[in-house]
Amino acid sequence: MYVFAANLYLHLQSRSLKTKRGIVKSILARARNSFNVSAAEVDLQDLQGEALLGFVIVSENRVLARKTLEELEEWLVAERPDVEVVSFEIEER
């Protein structure tokens, strides 16, 4: 069994924490449904223009797990032009 975790650091175009929460919740819900990953906002909850999201996937196939997280990043860039991906790091745990 392989466990991969990814941290995604984002810049958001939000003027309030309420707007930020809406953007983050939307991203997390769609990622869970589309990629079958666990997802959460893991840091920077009090900053309105930034977010740090964490994603985890467990799989029997190492290549498939990593590829799924890479596809998640590509999906986010394509689907959410209002969100700037600053960094995306994948690590095997």
PDB file of N, CA and C in Angstrom:
ATOM      1  N   MET A   1       0.837  -1.164   0.000  1.00  0.00           N
ATOM      2  CA  MET A   1       0.000   0.000   0.000  1.00  0.00           C
ATOM      3  C   MET A   1       0.891   1.240   0.000  1.00  0.00           C
ATOM      4  N   TYR A   2       0.503   2.225  -0.802  1.00  0.00           N
ATOM      5  CA  TYR A   2       1.276   3.463  -0.931  1.00  0.00           C
ATOM      6  C   TYR A   2       0.408   4.650  -0.519  1.00  0.00           C
ATOM      7  N   VAL A   3       1.023   5.563   0.203  1.00  0.00           N
ATOM      8  CA  VAL A   3       0.336   6.770   0.646  1.00  0.00           C
ATOM      9  C   VAL A   3       1.103   7.971   0.101  1.00  0.00           C
ATOM     10  N   PHE A   4       0.408   8.808  -0.634  1.00  0.00           N
ATOM     11  CA  PHE A   4       0.999  10.028  -1.167  1.00  0.00           C
ATOM     12  C   PHE A   4       0.238  11.225  -0.609  1.00  0.00           C
ATOM     13  N   ALA A   5       0.991  12.249  -0.259  1.00  0.00           N
ATOM     14  CA  ALA A   5       0.402  13.494   0.233  1.00  0.00           C
ATOM     15  C   ALA A   5       0.893  14.643  -0.636  1.00  0.00           C
ATOM     16  N   ALA A   6       0.021  15.597  -0.858  1.00  0.00           N
ATOM     17  CA  ALA A   6       0.382  16.771  -1.656  1.00  0.00           C
ATOM     18  C   ALA A   6      -0.041  18.029  -0.911  1.00  0.00           C
ATOM     19  N   ASN A   7       0.829  19.025  -0.930  1.00  0.00           N
ATOM     20  CA  ASN A   7       0.512  20.343  -0.397  1.00  0.00           C
ATOM     21  C   ASN A   7       0.405  21.301  -1.566  1.00  0.00           C
ATOM     22  N   LEU A   8      -0.650  22.065  -1.576  1.00  0.00           N
ATOM     23  CA  LEU A   8      -0.934  22.999  -2.655  1.00  0.00           C
ATOM     24  C   LEU A   8      -1.081  24.390  -2.057  1.00  0.00           C
ATOM     25  N   TYR A   9      -0.143  25.263  -2.396  1.00  0.00           N
ATOM     26  CA  TYR A   9      -0.165  26.637  -1.889  1.00  0.00           C
ATOM     27  C   TYR A   9      -0.758  27.529  -2.963  1.00  0.00           C
ATOM     28  N   LEU A  10      -1.800  28.282  -2.598  1.00  0.00           N
ATOM     29  CA  LEU A  10      -2.547  29.083  -3.560  1.00  0.00           C
ATOM     30  C   LEU A  10      -2.598  30.554  -3.179  1.00  0.00           C
ATOM     31  N   HIS A  11      -2.637  31.412  -4.184  1.00  0.00           N
ATOM     32  CA  HIS A  11      -3.003  32.812  -4.019  1.00  0.00           C
ATOM     33  C   HIS A  11      -4.417  32.948  -4.550  1.00  0.00           C
ATOM     34  N   LEU A  12      -5.274  33.580  -3.766  1.00  0.00           N
ATOM     35  CA  LEU A  12      -6.679  33.711  -4.131  1.00  0.00           C
ATOM     36  C   LEU A  12      -7.049  35.163  -4.359  1.00  0.00           C
ATOM     37  N   GLN A  13      -8.001  35.379  -5.240  1.00  0.00           N
ATOM     38  CA  GLN A  13      -8.519  36.723  -5.453  1.00  0.00           C
ATOM     39  C   GLN A  13      -9.750  36.905  -4.584  1.00  0.00           C
ATOM     40  N   SER A  14      -9.526  37.003  -3.286  1.00  0.00           N
ATOM     41  CA  SER A  14     -10.642  37.178  -2.363  1.00  0.00           C
ATOM     42  C   SER A  14     -10.373  38.385  -1.485  1.00  0.00           C
ATOM     43  N   ARG A  15     -11.431  39.110  -1.197  1.00  0.00           N
ATOM     44  CA  ARG A  15     -11.327  40.319  -0.375  1.00  0.00           C
ATOM     45  C   ARG A  15     -11.756  40.080   1.073  1.00  0.00           C
ATOM     46  N   SER A  16     -12.306  38.890   1.335  1.00  0.00           N
ATOM     47  CA  SER A  16     -12.760  38.589   2.692  1.00  0.00           C
ATOM     48  C   SER A  16     -12.566  37.102   2.976  1.00  0.00           C
ATOM     49  N   LEU A  17     -12.590  36.762   4.242  1.00  0.00           N
ATOM     50  CA  LEU A  17     -12.472  35.351   4.631  1.00  0.00           C
ATOM     51  C   LEU A  17     -13.691  34.557   4.170  1.00  0.00           C
ATOM     52  N   LYS A  18     -14.851  35.212   4.130  1.00  0.00           N
ATOM     53  CA  LYS A  18     -16.064  34.528   3.672  1.00  0.00           C
ATOM     54  C   LYS A  18     -15.925  34.117   2.201  1.00  0.00           C
ATOM     55  N   THR A  19     -15.419  35.014   1.373  1.00  0.00           N
ATOM     56  CA  THR A  19     -15.192  34.698  -0.041  1.00  0.00           C
ATOM     57  C   THR A  19     -14.149  33.587  -0.177  1.00  0.00           C
ATOM     58  N   LYS A  20     -13.094  33.683   0.619  1.00  0.00           N
ATOM     59  CA  LYS A  20     -12.046  32.658   0.586  1.00  0.00           C
ATOM     60  C   LYS A  20     -12.623  31.290   0.931  1.00  0.00           C
ATOM     61  N   ARG A  21     -13.430  31.215   1.983  1.00  0.00           N
ATOM     62  CA  ARG A  21     -14.018  29.938   2.390  1.00  0.00           C
ATOM     63  C   ARG A  21     -14.843  29.322   1.268  1.00  0.00           C
ATOM     64  N   GLY A  22     -15.576  30.161   0.539  1.00  0.00           N
ATOM     65  CA  GLY A  22     -16.365  29.652  -0.582  1.00  0.00           C
ATOM     66  C   GLY A  22     -15.498  29.056  -1.671  1.00  0.00           C
ATOM     67  N   ILE A  23     -14.406  29.732  -1.996  1.00  0.00           N
ATOM     68  CA  ILE A  23     -13.485  29.234  -3.025  1.00  0.00           C
ATOM     69  C   ILE A  23     -12.850  27.929  -2.569  1.00  0.00           C
ATOM     70  N   VAL A  24     -12.341  27.908  -1.337  1.00  0.00           N
ATOM     71  CA  VAL A  24     -11.649  26.724  -0.811  1.00  0.00           C
ATOM     72  C   VAL A  24     -12.599  25.541  -0.700  1.00  0.00           C
ATOM     73  N   LYS A  25     -13.791  25.761  -0.170  1.00  0.00           N
ATOM     74  CA  LYS A  25     -14.759  24.664  -0.041  1.00  0.00           C
ATOM     75  C   LYS A  25     -15.113  24.068  -1.395  1.00  0.00           C
ATOM     76  N   SER A  26     -15.259  24.930  -2.395  1.00  0.00           N
ATOM     77  CA  SER A  26     -15.572  24.453  -3.735  1.00  0.00           C
ATOM     78  C   SER A  26     -14.444  23.583  -4.291  1.00  0.00           C
ATOM     79  N   ILE A  27     -13.224  24.045  -4.153  1.00  0.00           N
ATOM     80  CA  ILE A  27     -12.070  23.286  -4.647  1.00  0.00           C
ATOM     81  C   ILE A  27     -11.968  21.940  -3.938  1.00  0.00           C
ATOM     82  N   LEU A  28     -12.089  21.950  -2.612  1.00  0.00           N
ATOM     83  CA  LEU A  28     -11.951  20.710  -1.841  1.00  0.00           C
ATOM     84  C   LEU A  28     -13.050  19.705  -2.200  1.00  0.00           C
ATOM     85  N   ALA A  29     -14.286  20.162  -2.304  1.00  0.00           N
ATOM     86  CA  ALA A  29     -15.397  19.252  -2.616  1.00  0.00           C
ATOM     87  C   ALA A  29     -15.248  18.649  -4.011  1.00  0.00           C
ATOM     88  N   ARG A  30     -14.905  19.473  -4.980  1.00  0.00           N
ATOM     89  CA  ARG A  30     -14.757  18.966  -6.343  1.00  0.00           C
ATOM     90  C   ARG A  30     -13.567  18.021  -6.459  1.00  0.00           C
ATOM     91  N   ALA A  31     -12.490  18.299  -5.731  1.00  0.00           N
ATOM     92  CA  ALA A  31     -11.321  17.405  -5.748  1.00  0.00           C
ATOM     93  C   ALA A  31     -11.681  16.049  -5.136  1.00  0.00           C
ATOM     94  N   ARG A  32     -12.406  16.072  -4.021  1.00  0.00           N
ATOM     95  CA  ARG A  32     -12.821  14.808  -3.392  1.00  0.00           C
ATOM     96  C   ARG A  32     -13.674  13.979  -4.337  1.00  0.00           C
ATOM     97  N   ASN A  33     -14.629  14.628  -4.979  1.00  0.00           N
ATOM     98  CA  ASN A  33     -15.554  13.910  -5.864  1.00  0.00           C
ATOM     99  C   ASN A  33     -14.899  13.443  -7.160  1.00  0.00           C
ATOM    100  N   SER A  34     -14.026  14.261  -7.711  1.00  0.00           N
ATOM    101  CA  SER A  34     -13.444  13.938  -9.016  1.00  0.00           C
ATOM    102  C   SER A  34     -12.250  12.996  -8.945  1.00  0.00           C
ATOM    103  N   PHE A  35     -11.485  13.075  -7.842  1.00  0.00           N
ATOM    104  CA  PHE A  35     -10.230  12.320  -7.780  1.00  0.00           C
ATOM    105  C   PHE A  35     -10.174  11.297  -6.646  1.00  0.00           C
ATOM    106  N   ASN A  36     -11.235  11.201  -5.860  1.00  0.00           N
ATOM    107  CA  ASN A  36     -11.292  10.239  -4.753  1.00  0.00           C
ATOM    108  C   ASN A  36     -10.089  10.387  -3.813  1.00  0.00           C
ATOM    109  N   VAL A  37      -9.845  11.612  -3.364  1.00  0.00           N
ATOM    110  CA  VAL A  37      -8.761  11.918  -2.438  1.00  0.00           C
ATOM    111  C   VAL A  37      -9.349  12.491  -1.160  1.00  0.00           C
ATOM    112  N   SER A  38      -8.592  12.426  -0.091  1.00  0.00           N
ATOM    113  CA  SER A  38      -8.941  13.157   1.123  1.00  0.00           C
ATOM    114  C   SER A  38      -8.352  14.545   0.974  1.00  0.00           C
ATOM    115  N   ALA A  39      -9.102  15.561   1.404  1.00  0.00           N
ATOM    116  CA  ALA A  39      -8.660  16.929   1.182  1.00  0.00           C
ATOM    117  C   ALA A  39      -9.072  17.822   2.343  1.00  0.00           C
ATOM    118  N   ALA A  40      -8.202  18.802   2.666  1.00  0.00           N
ATOM    119  CA  ALA A  40      -8.501  19.748   3.741  1.00  0.00           C
ATOM    120  C   ALA A  40      -7.648  20.994   3.579  1.00  0.00           C
ATOM    121  N   GLU A  41      -8.133  22.100   4.148  1.00  0.00           N
ATOM    122  CA  GLU A  41      -7.308  23.292   4.255  1.00  0.00           C
ATOM    123  C   GLU A  41      -6.445  23.083   5.502  1.00  0.00           C
ATOM    124  N   VAL A  42      -5.143  23.020   5.334  1.00  0.00           N
ATOM    125  CA  VAL A  42      -4.265  22.609   6.425  1.00  0.00           C
ATOM    126  C   VAL A  42      -3.536  23.755   7.116  1.00  0.00           C
ATOM    127  N   ASP A  43      -3.552  24.954   6.530  1.00  0.00           N
ATOM    128  CA  ASP A  43      -2.883  26.096   7.154  1.00  0.00           C
ATOM    129  C   ASP A  43      -3.361  27.381   6.491  1.00  0.00           C
ATOM    130  N   LEU A  44      -3.011  28.498   7.066  1.00  0.00           N
ATOM    131  CA  LEU A  44      -3.310  29.833   6.542  1.00  0.00           C
ATOM    132  C   LEU A  44      -4.804  30.139   6.526  1.00  0.00           C
ATOM    133  N   GLN A  45      -5.561  29.564   7.449  1.00  0.00           N
ATOM    134  CA  GLN A  45      -7.005  29.773   7.477  1.00  0.00           C
ATOM    135  C   GLN A  45      -7.390  31.234   7.725  1.00  0.00           C
ATOM    136  N   ASP A  46      -6.551  32.001   8.396  1.00  0.00           N
ATOM    137  CA  ASP A  46      -6.883  33.376   8.745  1.00  0.00           C
ATOM    138  C   ASP A  46      -6.393  34.408   7.738  1.00  0.00           C
ATOM    139  N   LEU A  47      -5.768  33.992   6.661  1.00  0.00           N
ATOM    140  CA  LEU A  47      -5.296  34.917   5.631  1.00  0.00           C
ATOM    141  C   LEU A  47      -6.256  34.883   4.452  1.00  0.00           C
ATOM    142  N   GLN A  48      -6.782  36.030   4.074  1.00  0.00           N
ATOM    143  CA  GLN A  48      -7.830  36.053   3.052  1.00  0.00           C
ATOM    144  C   GLN A  48      -7.338  35.801   1.635  1.00  0.00           C
ATOM    145  N   GLY A  49      -6.088  36.080   1.331  1.00  0.00           N
ATOM    146  CA  GLY A  49      -5.610  35.930  -0.034  1.00  0.00           C
ATOM    147  C   GLY A  49      -4.748  34.716  -0.283  1.00  0.00           C
ATOM    148  N   GLU A  50      -4.585  33.858   0.716  1.00  0.00           N
ATOM    149  CA  GLU A  50      -3.720  32.690   0.575  1.00  0.00           C
ATOM    150  C   GLU A  50      -4.392  31.465   1.181  1.00  0.00           C
ATOM    151  N   ALA A  51      -4.014  30.298   0.675  1.00  0.00           N
ATOM    152  CA  ALA A  51      -4.538  29.040   1.217  1.00  0.00           C
ATOM    153  C   ALA A  51      -3.501  27.942   1.037  1.00  0.00           C
ATOM    154  N   LEU A  52      -3.441  27.055   1.998  1.00  0.00           N
ATOM    155  CA  LEU A  52      -2.609  25.867   1.896  1.00  0.00           C
ATOM    156  C   LEU A  52      -3.535  24.667   2.027  1.00  0.00           C
ATOM    157  N   LEU A  53      -3.660  23.925   0.934  1.00  0.00           N
ATOM    158  CA  LEU A  53      -4.549  22.770   0.895  1.00  0.00           C
ATOM    159  C   LEU A  53      -3.728  21.495   0.910  1.00  0.00           C
ATOM    160  N   GLY A  54      -4.231  20.482   1.589  1.00  0.00           N
ATOM    161  CA  GLY A  54      -3.568  19.189   1.641  1.00  0.00           C
ATOM    162  C   GLY A  54      -4.451  18.119   1.034  1.00  0.00           C
ATOM    163  N   PHE A  55      -3.829  17.237   0.272  1.00  0.00           N
ATOM    164  CA  PHE A  55      -4.538  16.135  -0.375  1.00  0.00           C
ATOM    165  C   PHE A  55      -3.783  14.844  -0.089  1.00  0.00           C
ATOM    166  N   VAL A  56      -4.511  13.769   0.175  1.00  0.00           N
ATOM    167  CA  VAL A  56      -3.894  12.470   0.455  1.00  0.00           C
ATOM    168  C   VAL A  56      -4.622  11.402  -0.338  1.00  0.00           C
ATOM    169  N   ILE A  57      -3.841  10.473  -0.876  1.00  0.00           N
ATOM    170  CA  ILE A  57      -4.413   9.331  -1.585  1.00  0.00           C
ATOM    171  C   ILE A  57      -3.677   8.070  -1.142  1.00  0.00           C
ATOM    172  N   VAL A  58      -4.432   7.001  -0.976  1.00  0.00           N
ATOM    173  CA  VAL A  58      -3.886   5.693  -0.617  1.00  0.00           C
ATOM    174  C   VAL A  58      -4.232   4.742  -1.755  1.00  0.00           C
ATOM    175  N   SER A  59      -3.221   3.997  -2.222  1.00  0.00           N
ATOM    176  CA  SER A  59      -3.446   3.126  -3.371  1.00  0.00           C
ATOM    177  C   SER A  59      -2.503   1.930  -3.326  1.00  0.00           C
ATOM    178  N   GLU A  60      -2.884   0.895  -4.009  1.00  0.00           N
ATOM    179  CA  GLU A  60      -2.022  -0.269  -4.181  1.00  0.00           C
ATOM    180  C   GLU A  60      -0.988  -0.034  -5.274  1.00  0.00           C
ATOM    181  N   ASN A  61      -1.222   0.982  -6.095  1.00  0.00           N
ATOM    182  CA  ASN A  61      -0.375   1.254  -7.241  1.00  0.00           C
ATOM    183  C   ASN A  61       0.331   2.596  -7.051  1.00  0.00           C
ATOM    184  N   ARG A  62       1.640   2.575  -6.903  1.00  0.00           N
ATOM    185  CA  ARG A  62       2.435   3.783  -6.661  1.00  0.00           C
ATOM    186  C   ARG A  62       2.298   4.788  -7.811  1.00  0.00           C
ATOM    187  N   VAL A  63       2.402   4.318  -9.039  1.00  0.00           N
ATOM    188  CA  VAL A  63       2.356   5.196 -10.211  1.00  0.00           C
ATOM    189  C   VAL A  63       0.980   5.860 -10.338  1.00  0.00           C
ATOM    190  N   LEU A  64      -0.069   5.085 -10.134  1.00  0.00           N
ATOM    191  CA  LEU A  64      -1.425   5.616 -10.240  1.00  0.00           C
ATOM    192  C   LEU A  64      -1.697   6.675  -9.177  1.00  0.00           C
ATOM    193  N   ALA A  65      -1.222   6.454  -7.971  1.00  0.00           N
ATOM    194  CA  ALA A  65      -1.442   7.413  -6.886  1.00  0.00           C
ATOM    195  C   ALA A  65      -0.768   8.747  -7.197  1.00  0.00           C
ATOM    196  N   ARG A  66       0.474   8.695  -7.613  1.00  0.00           N
ATOM    197  CA  ARG A  66       1.196   9.934  -7.938  1.00  0.00           C
ATOM    198  C   ARG A  66       0.561  10.644  -9.139  1.00  0.00           C
ATOM    199  N   LYS A  67       0.191   9.866 -10.143  1.00  0.00           N
ATOM    200  CA  LYS A  67      -0.417  10.440 -11.342  1.00  0.00           C
ATOM    201  C   LYS A  67      -1.750  11.113 -11.011  1.00  0.00           C
ATOM    202  N   THR A  68      -2.506  10.545 -10.113  1.00  0.00           N
ATOM    203  CA  THR A  68      -3.784  11.138  -9.706  1.00  0.00           C
ATOM    204  C   THR A  68      -3.572  12.516  -9.100  1.00  0.00           C
ATOM    205  N   LEU A  69      -2.580  12.648  -8.228  1.00  0.00           N
ATOM    206  CA  LEU A  69      -2.304  13.954  -7.620  1.00  0.00           C
ATOM    207  C   LEU A  69      -1.791  14.955  -8.651  1.00  0.00           C
ATOM    208  N   GLU A  70      -0.988  14.504  -9.591  1.00  0.00           N
ATOM    209  CA  GLU A  70      -0.524  15.394 -10.663  1.00  0.00           C
ATOM    210  C   GLU A  70      -1.696  15.858 -11.532  1.00  0.00           C
ATOM    211  N   GLU A  71      -2.631  14.958 -11.810  1.00  0.00           N
ATOM    212  CA  GLU A  71      -3.818  15.318 -12.583  1.00  0.00           C
ATOM    213  C   GLU A  71      -4.697  16.300 -11.818  1.00  0.00           C
ATOM    214  N   LEU A  72      -4.734  16.169 -10.506  1.00  0.00           N
ATOM    215  CA  LEU A  72      -5.488  17.101  -9.676  1.00  0.00           C
ATOM    216  C   LEU A  72      -4.943  18.523  -9.849  1.00  0.00           C
ATOM    217  N   GLU A  73      -3.638  18.669  -9.841  1.00  0.00           N
ATOM    218  CA  GLU A  73      -3.038  19.994 -10.040  1.00  0.00           C
ATOM    219  C   GLU A  73      -3.380  20.540 -11.425  1.00  0.00           C
ATOM    220  N   GLU A  74      -3.257  19.707 -12.445  1.00  0.00           N
ATOM    221  CA  GLU A  74      -3.583  20.140 -13.809  1.00  0.00           C
ATOM    222  C   GLU A  74      -5.047  20.560 -13.918  1.00  0.00           C
ATOM    223  N   TRP A  75      -5.921  19.810 -13.285  1.00  0.00           N
ATOM    224  CA  TRP A  75      -7.343  20.136 -13.283  1.00  0.00           C
ATOM    225  C   TRP A  75      -7.585  21.491 -12.636  1.00  0.00           C
ATOM    226  N   LEU A  76      -6.939  21.739 -11.512  1.00  0.00           N
ATOM    227  CA  LEU A  76      -7.136  22.999 -10.805  1.00  0.00           C
ATOM    228  C   LEU A  76      -6.682  24.184 -11.660  1.00  0.00           C
ATOM    229  N   VAL A  77      -5.544  24.060 -12.304  1.00  0.00           N
ATOM    230  CA  VAL A  77      -5.038  25.134 -13.165  1.00  0.00           C
ATOM    231  C   VAL A  77      -6.009  25.388 -14.320  1.00  0.00           C
ATOM    232  N   ALA A  78      -6.543  24.324 -14.899  1.00  0.00           N
ATOM    233  CA  ALA A  78      -7.441  24.469 -16.044  1.00  0.00           C
ATOM    234  C   ALA A  78      -8.827  24.986 -15.639  1.00  0.00           C
ATOM    235  N   GLU A  79      -9.352  24.514 -14.523  1.00  0.00           N
ATOM    236  CA  GLU A  79     -10.720  24.828 -14.123  1.00  0.00           C
ATOM    237  C   GLU A  79     -10.865  26.123 -13.336  1.00  0.00           C
ATOM    238  N   ARG A  80      -9.811  26.547 -12.665  1.00  0.00           N
ATOM    239  CA  ARG A  80      -9.912  27.736 -11.801  1.00  0.00           C
ATOM    240  C   ARG A  80      -8.864  28.780 -12.174  1.00  0.00           C
ATOM    241  N   PRO A  81      -9.089  29.530 -13.259  1.00  0.00           N
ATOM    242  CA  PRO A  81      -8.123  30.563 -13.643  1.00  0.00           C
ATOM    243  C   PRO A  81      -8.051  31.710 -12.637  1.00  0.00           C
ATOM    244  N   ASP A  82      -9.041  31.807 -11.742  1.00  0.00           N
ATOM    245  CA  ASP A  82      -9.037  32.845 -10.716  1.00  0.00           C
ATOM    246  C   ASP A  82      -8.112  32.516  -9.541  1.00  0.00           C
ATOM    247  N   VAL A  83      -7.567  31.315  -9.542  1.00  0.00           N
ATOM    248  CA  VAL A  83      -6.693  30.861  -8.461  1.00  0.00           C
ATOM    249  C   VAL A  83      -5.286  30.650  -9.016  1.00  0.00           C
ATOM    250  N   GLU A  84      -4.293  31.230  -8.351  1.00  0.00           N
ATOM    251  CA  GLU A  84      -2.905  31.073  -8.786  1.00  0.00           C
ATOM    252  C   GLU A  84      -2.222  29.988  -7.947  1.00  0.00           C
ATOM    253  N   VAL A  85      -1.736  28.949  -8.602  1.00  0.00           N
ATOM    254  CA  VAL A  85      -1.002  27.894  -7.917  1.00  0.00           C
ATOM    255  C   VAL A  85       0.447  28.362  -7.765  1.00  0.00           C
ATOM    256  N   VAL A  86       0.869  28.587  -6.512  1.00  0.00           N
ATOM    257  CA  VAL A  86       2.215  29.056  -6.234  1.00  0.00           C
ATOM    258  C   VAL A  86       3.173  27.878  -6.146  1.00  0.00           C
ATOM    259  N   SER A  87       2.755  26.839  -5.427  1.00  0.00           N
ATOM    260  CA  SER A  87       3.597  25.649  -5.337  1.00  0.00           C
ATOM    261  C   SER A  87       2.724  24.412  -5.141  1.00  0.00           C
ATOM    262  N   PHE A  88       3.255  23.288  -5.593  1.00  0.00           N
ATOM    263  CA  PHE A  88       2.569  22.005  -5.466  1.00  0.00           C
ATOM    264  C   PHE A  88       3.648  20.960  -5.211  1.00  0.00           C
ATOM    265  N   GLU A  89       3.623  20.362  -4.036  1.00  0.00           N
ATOM    266  CA  GLU A  89       4.629  19.376  -3.650  1.00  0.00           C
ATOM    267  C   GLU A  89       3.976  18.049  -3.315  1.00  0.00           C
ATOM    268  N   ILE A  90       4.502  16.996  -3.907  1.00  0.00           N
ATOM    269  CA  ILE A  90       4.006  15.636  -3.642  1.00  0.00           C
ATOM    270  C   ILE A  90       5.112  14.875  -2.916  1.00  0.00           C
ATOM    271  N   GLU A  91       4.687  14.147  -1.874  1.00  0.00           N
ATOM    272  CA  GLU A  91       5.653  13.290  -1.195  1.00  0.00           C
ATOM    273  C   GLU A  91       5.017  11.964  -0.844  1.00  0.00           C
ATOM    274  N   GLU A  92       5.840  10.930  -0.865  1.00  0.00           N
ATOM    275  CA  GLU A  92       5.361   9.598  -0.494  1.00  0.00           C
ATOM    276  C   GLU A  92       5.604   9.408   0.999  1.00  0.00           C
ATOM    277  N   ARG A  93       4.613   8.898   1.677  1.00  0.00           N
ATOM    278  CA  ARG A  93       4.745   8.703   3.135  1.00  0.00           C
ATOM    279  C   ARG A  93       4.705   7.251   3.483  1.00  0.00           C
TER     280      ARG A  93
END
